[in-house]
Amino acid sequence: MNQIEDNVMTLNGDVGLWLGGNSFKNVYRRNTARGNQSPSPCAIGSTPDFCDAGAKNTSAGDNFLPDPQ
C-alpha cells in the first residue's frame, strides 16, 4: 500500500499518473494533473478523479484532472 499525495504532474504525454492493473490498495489524494496531452482525463473505465485500472485503490475525491490545456 502506498500513499500518493500532494503532487503536480504537468505537460505529460498522457494523463499524468495512472494506477495500472497491478496496483492494489493505494491511497491517491490531493494531486493535480494539468496540461496533459490525452484526449480525455482517463482513457479507461475509472474513478471520477483519477485513472485507476487497479483494485481497492482509494481517493477522497480531491484530485484534479482537468481537460488537456
Protein backbone atom coordinates (compact mmCIF):
# COMPACT_ATOMS: atom_id res chain seq x y z
CA MET A 1 0.00 0.00 0.00
CA ASN A 2 1.33 3.44 -0.99
CA GLN A 3 0.13 6.94 -0.19
CA ILE A 4 0.43 9.24 -3.22
CA GLU A 5 -0.38 12.77 -2.06
CA ASP A 6 0.13 16.44 -2.98
CA ASN A 7 1.77 16.00 -6.40
CA VAL A 8 1.52 18.11 -9.56
CA MET A 9 2.04 16.38 -12.92
CA THR A 10 2.26 18.92 -15.72
CA LEU A 11 2.57 18.64 -19.53
CA ASN A 12 2.77 14.85 -19.68
CA GLY A 13 2.26 12.98 -22.93
CA ASP A 14 -0.72 11.18 -21.42
CA VAL A 15 -2.86 11.68 -18.30
CA GLY A 16 -0.21 12.08 -15.60
CA LEU A 17 -0.04 9.31 -13.02
CA TRP A 18 -2.33 6.41 -13.59
CA LEU A 19 -2.71 3.36 -11.42
CA GLY A 20 -2.40 0.29 -13.63
CA GLY A 21 -3.99 -3.14 -13.38
CA ASN A 22 -1.40 -4.45 -10.90
CA SER A 23 -1.88 -1.60 -8.41
CA PHE A 24 -3.64 -2.60 -5.21
CA LYS A 25 -4.77 -0.68 -2.12
CA ASN A 26 -3.06 2.64 -2.91
CA VAL A 27 -4.29 5.95 -1.49
CA TYR A 28 -4.32 8.78 -4.05
CA ARG A 29 -5.20 12.26 -2.67
CA ARG A 30 -4.77 15.98 -3.42
CA ASN A 31 -2.94 15.50 -6.73
CA THR A 32 -3.18 17.62 -9.87
CA ALA A 33 -2.51 16.56 -13.46
CA ARG A 34 -2.73 19.56 -15.81
CA GLY A 35 -1.72 20.41 -19.35
CA ASN A 36 -1.62 16.75 -20.31
CA GLN A 37 -2.00 15.57 -23.88
CA SER A 38 -4.57 12.80 -23.54
CA PRO A 39 -7.86 13.46 -25.38
CA SER A 40 -9.76 12.68 -22.18
CA PRO A 41 -8.80 12.70 -18.49
CA CYS A 42 -8.89 8.88 -18.36
CA ALA A 43 -8.98 6.60 -21.37
CA ILE A 44 -10.06 3.66 -19.20
CA GLY A 45 -13.06 2.99 -17.03
CA SER A 46 -12.08 4.71 -13.84
CA THR A 47 -12.95 6.58 -10.70
CA PRO A 48 -14.18 10.18 -11.20
CA ASP A 49 -10.97 11.91 -10.10
CA PHE A 50 -8.02 9.67 -11.08
CA CYS A 51 -7.13 6.98 -13.62
CA ASP A 52 -7.50 3.66 -11.86
CA ALA A 53 -7.27 0.25 -13.51
CA GLY A 54 -6.26 -1.46 -10.25
CA ALA A 55 -8.17 -2.90 -7.30
CA LYS A 56 -9.18 -1.32 -3.99
CA ASN A 57 -7.32 1.96 -4.66
CA THR A 58 -8.95 4.85 -2.82
CA SER A 59 -9.38 8.59 -3.07
CA ALA A 60 -11.11 11.27 -1.03
CA GLY A 61 -12.39 12.75 -4.32
CA ASP A 62 -9.94 15.67 -4.13
CA ASN A 63 -7.69 15.05 -7.16
CA PHE A 64 -7.89 17.48 -10.08
CA LEU A 65 -7.66 16.13 -13.63
CA PRO A 66 -8.76 18.94 -15.93
CA ASP A 67 -9.09 18.54 -19.69
CA PRO A 68 -5.87 18.98 -21.69
CA GLN A 69 -4.73 22.59 -21.98
